[in-house]
Amino acid sequence: MAHYRVHKVNLKKKIEPDELEIYLNGLEGKIISIVPNITPRMHPMGATARYDYLLIVVELP
Protein backbone atom coordinates (compact mmCIF):
# COMPACT_ATOMS: atom_id res chain seq x y z
CA MET A 1 0.00 0.00 0.00
CA ALA A 2 1.47 3.33 -1.06
CA HIS A 3 1.77 6.31 1.25
CA TYR A 4 1.69 9.86 -0.03
CA ARG A 5 2.70 13.24 1.32
CA VAL A 6 1.53 16.62 0.02
CA HIS A 7 3.88 19.61 0.21
CA LYS A 8 2.70 23.20 -0.22
CA VAL A 9 5.19 25.64 -1.73
CA ASN A 10 4.18 29.30 -1.43
CA LEU A 11 5.21 31.47 -4.35
CA LYS A 12 6.06 35.12 -4.44
CA LYS A 13 5.56 37.01 -7.71
CA LYS A 14 6.81 34.26 -10.04
CA ILE A 15 8.17 30.73 -10.10
CA GLU A 16 11.95 30.67 -9.70
CA PRO A 17 13.13 27.58 -11.64
CA ASP A 18 16.45 27.25 -9.80
CA GLU A 19 14.85 27.39 -6.36
CA LEU A 20 12.11 24.95 -7.40
CA GLU A 21 14.69 22.52 -8.79
CA ILE A 22 16.66 22.56 -5.54
CA TYR A 23 13.47 22.02 -3.52
CA LEU A 24 12.26 19.13 -5.72
CA ASN A 25 15.65 17.40 -5.67
CA GLY A 26 15.62 17.57 -1.86
CA LEU A 27 12.32 15.69 -1.51
CA GLU A 28 12.34 12.07 -0.43
CA GLY A 29 10.30 9.74 -2.63
CA LYS A 30 8.84 9.85 -6.13
CA ILE A 31 7.06 13.01 -7.29
CA ILE A 32 3.62 12.05 -8.56
CA SER A 33 2.12 15.44 -9.40
CA ILE A 34 2.64 19.20 -9.18
CA VAL A 35 -0.62 21.16 -9.01
CA PRO A 36 -0.54 24.95 -9.29
CA ASN A 37 -3.15 27.11 -7.57
CA ILE A 38 -3.94 29.84 -10.09
CA THR A 39 -5.96 32.89 -9.03
CA PRO A 40 -7.51 35.21 -11.63
CA ARG A 41 -6.88 38.93 -11.24
CA MET A 42 -9.13 41.55 -12.80
CA HIS A 43 -7.63 44.87 -13.94
CA PRO A 44 -9.21 47.86 -15.72
CA MET A 45 -7.42 46.90 -18.95
CA GLY A 46 -8.15 43.15 -18.78
CA ALA A 47 -7.54 40.04 -16.74
CA THR A 48 -4.40 38.19 -15.70
CA ALA A 49 -3.66 35.19 -13.52
CA ARG A 50 -1.25 34.63 -10.67
CA TYR A 51 0.24 31.51 -9.10
CA ASP A 52 -0.31 31.57 -5.33
CA TYR A 53 1.25 28.23 -4.43
CA LEU A 54 2.12 24.76 -5.71
CA LEU A 55 0.92 21.46 -4.23
CA ILE A 56 3.47 18.71 -4.74
CA VAL A 57 2.31 15.12 -4.25
CA VAL A 58 5.09 12.66 -3.36
CA GLU A 59 4.86 8.88 -3.06
CA LEU A 60 6.94 7.80 -0.08
CA PRO A 61 9.24 4.76 -0.31
PDB file of N, CA and C in Angstrom:
ATOM      1  N   MET A   1       0.844  -1.180   0.000  1.00  0.00           N
ATOM      2  CA  MET A   1       0.000   0.000   0.000  1.00  0.00           C
ATOM      3  C   MET A   1       0.890   1.245   0.000  1.00  0.00           C
ATOM      4  N   ALA A   2       0.652   2.119  -0.919  1.00  0.00           N
ATOM      5  CA  ALA A   2       1.474   3.331  -1.061  1.00  0.00           C
ATOM      6  C   ALA A   2       1.039   4.395  -0.063  1.00  0.00           C
ATOM      7  N   HIS A   3       2.017   5.165   0.383  1.00  0.00           N
ATOM      8  CA  HIS A   3       1.767   6.309   1.250  1.00  0.00           C
ATOM      9  C   HIS A   3       2.198   7.561   0.502  1.00  0.00           C
ATOM     10  N   TYR A   4       1.425   8.610   0.677  1.00  0.00           N
ATOM     11  CA  TYR A   4       1.694   9.855  -0.028  1.00  0.00           C
ATOM     12  C   TYR A   4       1.837  11.004   0.957  1.00  0.00           C
ATOM     13  N   ARG A   5       2.571  12.000   0.542  1.00  0.00           N
ATOM     14  CA  ARG A   5       2.697  13.237   1.318  1.00  0.00           C
ATOM     15  C   ARG A   5       2.480  14.395   0.352  1.00  0.00           C
ATOM     16  N   VAL A   6       1.782  15.429   0.822  1.00  0.00           N
ATOM     17  CA  VAL A   6       1.526  16.617   0.015  1.00  0.00           C
ATOM     18  C   VAL A   6       2.296  17.786   0.623  1.00  0.00           C
ATOM     19  N   HIS A   7       3.108  18.439  -0.199  1.00  0.00           N
ATOM     20  CA  HIS A   7       3.878  19.606   0.215  1.00  0.00           C
ATOM     21  C   HIS A   7       3.262  20.837  -0.439  1.00  0.00           C
ATOM     22  N   LYS A   8       3.194  21.928   0.313  1.00  0.00           N
ATOM     23  CA  LYS A   8       2.702  23.197  -0.218  1.00  0.00           C
ATOM     24  C   LYS A   8       3.878  24.157  -0.306  1.00  0.00           C
ATOM     25  N   VAL A   9       4.108  24.695  -1.508  1.00  0.00           N
ATOM     26  CA  VAL A   9       5.191  25.644  -1.733  1.00  0.00           C
ATOM     27  C   VAL A   9       4.569  26.986  -2.080  1.00  0.00           C
ATOM     28  N   ASN A  10       4.697  27.951  -1.175  1.00  0.00           N
ATOM     29  CA  ASN A  10       4.177  29.295  -1.434  1.00  0.00           C
ATOM     30  C   ASN A  10       5.079  30.004  -2.428  1.00  0.00           C
ATOM     31  N   LEU A  11       4.465  30.749  -3.331  1.00  0.00           N
ATOM     32  CA  LEU A  11       5.208  31.465  -4.352  1.00  0.00           C
ATOM     33  C   LEU A  11       5.105  32.955  -4.117  1.00  0.00           C
ATOM     34  N   LYS A  12       6.105  33.663  -4.542  1.00  0.00           N
ATOM     35  CA  LYS A  12       6.063  35.118  -4.439  1.00  0.00           C
ATOM     36  C   LYS A  12       5.450  35.643  -5.735  1.00  0.00           C
ATOM     37  N   LYS A  13       6.128  36.444  -6.477  1.00  0.00           N
ATOM     38  CA  LYS A  13       5.562  37.005  -7.709  1.00  0.00           C
ATOM     39  C   LYS A  13       5.637  36.048  -8.887  1.00  0.00           C
ATOM     40  N   LYS A  14       6.667  35.191  -8.918  1.00  0.00           N
ATOM     41  CA  LYS A  14       6.811  34.261 -10.038  1.00  0.00           C
ATOM     42  C   LYS A  14       7.526  33.003  -9.569  1.00  0.00           C
ATOM     43  N   ILE A  15       7.505  31.987 -10.412  1.00  0.00           N
ATOM     44  CA  ILE A  15       8.173  30.731 -10.096  1.00  0.00           C
ATOM     45  C   ILE A  15       9.649  30.862 -10.450  1.00  0.00           C
ATOM     46  N   GLU A  16      10.508  30.641  -9.476  1.00  0.00           N
ATOM     47  CA  GLU A  16      11.951  30.672  -9.701  1.00  0.00           C
ATOM     48  C   GLU A  16      12.413  29.247 -10.006  1.00  0.00           C
ATOM     49  N   PRO A  17      12.780  28.950 -11.256  1.00  0.00           N
ATOM     50  CA  PRO A  17      13.130  27.582 -11.641  1.00  0.00           C
ATOM     51  C   PRO A  17      14.285  26.995 -10.826  1.00  0.00           C
ATOM     52  N   ASP A  18      15.312  27.774 -10.541  1.00  0.00           N
ATOM     53  CA  ASP A  18      16.454  27.246  -9.800  1.00  0.00           C
ATOM     54  C   ASP A  18      16.062  26.856  -8.379  1.00  0.00           C
ATOM     55  N   GLU A  19      15.291  27.692  -7.718  1.00  0.00           N
ATOM     56  CA  GLU A  19      14.849  27.394  -6.359  1.00  0.00           C
ATOM     57  C   GLU A  19      13.921  26.184  -6.339  1.00  0.00           C
ATOM     58  N   LEU A  20      13.025  26.085  -7.327  1.00  0.00           N
ATOM     59  CA  LEU A  20      12.107  24.951  -7.404  1.00  0.00           C
ATOM     60  C   LEU A  20      12.877  23.661  -7.651  1.00  0.00           C
ATOM     61  N   GLU A  21      13.882  23.699  -8.504  1.00  0.00           N
ATOM     62  CA  GLU A  21      14.694  22.516  -8.788  1.00  0.00           C
ATOM     63  C   GLU A  21      15.404  22.027  -7.529  1.00  0.00           C
ATOM     64  N   ILE A  22      15.981  22.936  -6.778  1.00  0.00           N
ATOM     65  CA  ILE A  22      16.664  22.562  -5.536  1.00  0.00           C
ATOM     66  C   ILE A  22      15.673  21.943  -4.552  1.00  0.00           C
ATOM     67  N   TYR A  23      14.489  22.539  -4.431  1.00  0.00           N
ATOM     68  CA  TYR A  23      13.472  22.016  -3.525  1.00  0.00           C
ATOM     69  C   TYR A  23      13.029  20.609  -3.942  1.00  0.00           C
ATOM     70  N   LEU A  24      12.741  20.431  -5.233  1.00  0.00           N
ATOM     71  CA  LEU A  24      12.264  19.134  -5.720  1.00  0.00           C
ATOM     72  C   LEU A  24      13.323  18.049  -5.559  1.00  0.00           C
ATOM     73  N   ASN A  25      14.578  18.381  -5.819  1.00  0.00           N
ATOM     74  CA  ASN A  25      15.649  17.395  -5.673  1.00  0.00           C
ATOM     75  C   ASN A  25      15.882  17.016  -4.217  1.00  0.00           C
ATOM     76  N   GLY A  26      15.458  17.863  -3.278  1.00  0.00           N
ATOM     77  CA  GLY A  26      15.617  17.567  -1.863  1.00  0.00           C
ATOM     78  C   GLY A  26      14.504  16.719  -1.274  1.00  0.00           C
ATOM     79  N   LEU A  27      13.437  16.490  -2.023  1.00  0.00           N
ATOM     80  CA  LEU A  27      12.319  15.694  -1.514  1.00  0.00           C
ATOM     81  C   LEU A  27      12.670  14.214  -1.509  1.00  0.00           C
ATOM     82  N   GLU A  28      12.150  13.518  -0.510  1.00  0.00           N
ATOM     83  CA  GLU A  28      12.339  12.073  -0.431  1.00  0.00           C
ATOM     84  C   GLU A  28      11.136  11.403  -1.082  1.00  0.00           C
ATOM     85  N   GLY A  29      11.378  10.454  -1.971  1.00  0.00           N
ATOM     86  CA  GLY A  29      10.299   9.736  -2.626  1.00  0.00           C
ATOM     87  C   GLY A  29      10.154  10.148  -4.090  1.00  0.00           C
ATOM     88  N   LYS A  30       9.103   9.625  -4.709  1.00  0.00           N
ATOM     89  CA  LYS A  30       8.838   9.853  -6.129  1.00  0.00           C
ATOM     90  C   LYS A  30       7.756  10.911  -6.287  1.00  0.00           C
ATOM     91  N   ILE A  31       8.039  11.953  -7.059  1.00  0.00           N
ATOM     92  CA  ILE A  31       7.060  13.014  -7.290  1.00  0.00           C
ATOM     93  C   ILE A  31       5.983  12.486  -8.235  1.00  0.00           C
ATOM     94  N   ILE A  32       4.751  12.551  -7.789  1.00  0.00           N
ATOM     95  CA  ILE A  32       3.616  12.053  -8.563  1.00  0.00           C
ATOM     96  C   ILE A  32       2.980  13.179  -9.373  1.00  0.00           C
ATOM     97  N   SER A  33       2.827  14.352  -8.734  1.00  0.00           N
ATOM     98  CA  SER A  33       2.117  15.441  -9.396  1.00  0.00           C
ATOM     99  C   SER A  33       2.517  16.780  -8.796  1.00  0.00           C
ATOM    100  N   ILE A  34       2.474  17.823  -9.637  1.00  0.00           N
ATOM    101  CA  ILE A  34       2.637  19.198  -9.178  1.00  0.00           C
ATOM    102  C   ILE A  34       1.406  19.959  -9.655  1.00  0.00           C
ATOM    103  N   VAL A  35       0.647  20.497  -8.702  1.00  0.00           N
ATOM    104  CA  VAL A  35      -0.619  21.156  -9.007  1.00  0.00           C
ATOM    105  C   VAL A  35      -0.511  22.634  -8.636  1.00  0.00           C
ATOM    106  N   PRO A  36      -0.594  23.529  -9.614  1.00  0.00           N
ATOM    107  CA  PRO A  36      -0.540  24.954  -9.286  1.00  0.00           C
ATOM    108  C   PRO A  36      -1.915  25.472  -8.852  1.00  0.00           C
ATOM    109  N   ASN A  37      -1.924  26.394  -7.916  1.00  0.00           N
ATOM    110  CA  ASN A  37      -3.152  27.110  -7.567  1.00  0.00           C
ATOM    111  C   ASN A  37      -3.079  28.450  -8.284  1.00  0.00           C
ATOM    112  N   ILE A  38      -3.954  28.638  -9.258  1.00  0.00           N
ATOM    113  CA  ILE A  38      -3.944  29.839 -10.086  1.00  0.00           C
ATOM    114  C   ILE A  38      -5.155  30.692  -9.722  1.00  0.00           C
ATOM    115  N   THR A  39      -4.901  31.964  -9.420  1.00  0.00           N
ATOM    116  CA  THR A  39      -5.958  32.893  -9.033  1.00  0.00           C
ATOM    117  C   THR A  39      -6.112  33.972 -10.101  1.00  0.00           C
ATOM    118  N   PRO A  40      -7.313  34.141 -10.637  1.00  0.00           N
ATOM    119  CA  PRO A  40      -7.507  35.207 -11.632  1.00  0.00           C
ATOM    120  C   PRO A  40      -7.459  36.583 -10.972  1.00  0.00           C
ATOM    121  N   ARG A  41      -6.954  37.541 -11.706  1.00  0.00           N
ATOM    122  CA  ARG A  41      -6.881  38.932 -11.244  1.00  0.00           C
ATOM    123  C   ARG A  41      -7.530  39.817 -12.300  1.00  0.00           C
ATOM    124  N   MET A  42      -8.457  40.640 -11.875  1.00  0.00           N
ATOM    125  CA  MET A  42      -9.130  41.552 -12.799  1.00  0.00           C
ATOM    126  C   MET A  42      -8.490  42.935 -12.699  1.00  0.00           C
ATOM    127  N   HIS A  43      -8.210  43.530 -13.852  1.00  0.00           N
ATOM    128  CA  HIS A  43      -7.626  44.866 -13.944  1.00  0.00           C
ATOM    129  C   HIS A  43      -8.490  45.701 -14.886  1.00  0.00           C
ATOM    130  N   PRO A  44      -8.407  47.021 -14.811  1.00  0.00           N
ATOM    131  CA  PRO A  44      -9.209  47.863 -15.716  1.00  0.00           C
ATOM    132  C   PRO A  44      -8.958  47.572 -17.202  1.00  0.00           C
ATOM    133  N   MET A  45      -7.748  47.148 -17.544  1.00  0.00           N
ATOM    134  CA  MET A  45      -7.417  46.902 -18.950  1.00  0.00           C
ATOM    135  C   MET A  45      -7.522  45.428 -19.340  1.00  0.00           C
ATOM    136  N   GLY A  46      -8.008  44.561 -18.453  1.00  0.00           N
ATOM    137  CA  GLY A  46      -8.151  43.154 -18.783  1.00  0.00           C
ATOM    138  C   GLY A  46      -7.875  42.283 -17.573  1.00  0.00           C
ATOM    139  N   ALA A  47      -7.738  41.007 -17.821  1.00  0.00           N
ATOM    140  CA  ALA A  47      -7.537  40.042 -16.740  1.00  0.00           C
ATOM    141  C   ALA A  47      -6.179  39.370 -16.878  1.00  0.00           C
ATOM    142  N   THR A  48      -5.634  38.969 -15.751  1.00  0.00           N
ATOM    143  CA  THR A  48      -4.399  38.189 -15.699  1.00  0.00           C
ATOM    144  C   THR A  48      -4.611  37.064 -14.695  1.00  0.00           C
ATOM    145  N   ALA A  49      -3.606  36.261 -14.519  1.00  0.00           N
ATOM    146  CA  ALA A  49      -3.656  35.194 -13.523  1.00  0.00           C
ATOM    147  C   ALA A  49      -2.355  35.194 -12.742  1.00  0.00           C
ATOM    148  N   ARG A  50      -2.431  34.673 -11.511  1.00  0.00           N
ATOM    149  CA  ARG A  50      -1.251  34.635 -10.669  1.00  0.00           C
ATOM    150  C   ARG A  50      -1.187  33.275  -9.984  1.00  0.00           C
ATOM    151  N   TYR A  51       0.024  32.736  -9.865  1.00  0.00           N
ATOM    152  CA  TYR A  51       0.244  31.512  -9.103  1.00  0.00           C
ATOM    153  C   TYR A  51       0.386  31.898  -7.638  1.00  0.00           C
ATOM    154  N   ASP A  52      -0.425  31.302  -6.767  1.00  0.00           N
ATOM    155  CA  ASP A  52      -0.311  31.567  -5.333  1.00  0.00           C
ATOM    156  C   ASP A  52       0.609  30.548  -4.666  1.00  0.00           C
ATOM    157  N   TYR A  53       0.424  29.287  -5.010  1.00  0.00           N
ATOM    158  CA  TYR A  53       1.246  28.226  -4.430  1.00  0.00           C
ATOM    159  C   TYR A  53       1.188  26.987  -5.313  1.00  0.00           C
ATOM    160  N   LEU A  54       2.093  26.052  -5.042  1.00  0.00           N
ATOM    161  CA  LEU A  54       2.115  24.757  -5.710  1.00  0.00           C
ATOM    162  C   LEU A  54       1.852  23.673  -4.686  1.00  0.00           C
ATOM    163  N   LEU A  55       1.050  22.670  -5.042  1.00  0.00           N
ATOM    164  CA  LEU A  55       0.916  21.464  -4.226  1.00  0.00           C
ATOM    165  C   LEU A  55       1.716  20.378  -4.920  1.00  0.00           C
ATOM    166  N   ILE A  56       2.614  19.751  -4.193  1.00  0.00           N
ATOM    167  CA  ILE A  56       3.472  18.707  -4.744  1.00  0.00           C
ATOM    168  C   ILE A  56       3.141  17.402  -4.036  1.00  0.00           C
ATOM    169  N   VAL A  57       2.671  16.407  -4.792  1.00  0.00           N
ATOM    170  CA  VAL A  57       2.311  15.117  -4.249  1.00  0.00           C
ATOM    171  C   VAL A  57       3.485  14.161  -4.449  1.00  0.00           C
ATOM    172  N   VAL A  58       3.923  13.553  -3.337  1.00  0.00           N
ATOM    173  CA  VAL A  58       5.088  12.665  -3.357  1.00  0.00           C
ATOM    174  C   VAL A  58       4.672  11.293  -2.825  1.00  0.00           C
ATOM    175  N   GLU A  59       5.063  10.236  -3.537  1.00  0.00           N
ATOM    176  CA  GLU A  59       4.863   8.877  -3.056  1.00  0.00           C
ATOM    177  C   GLU A  59       6.080   8.491  -2.224  1.00  0.00           C
ATOM    178  N   LEU A  60       5.847   8.136  -0.983  1.00  0.00           N
ATOM    179  CA  LEU A  60       6.943   7.795  -0.081  1.00  0.00           C
ATOM    180  C   LEU A  60       7.428   6.365  -0.325  1.00  0.00           C
ATOM    181  N   PRO A  61       8.719   6.129  -0.102  1.00  0.00           N
ATOM    182  CA  PRO A  61       9.240   4.765  -0.309  1.00  0.00           C
ATOM    183  C   PRO A  61       8.734   3.792   0.756  1.00  0.00           C
TER     184      PRO A  61
END
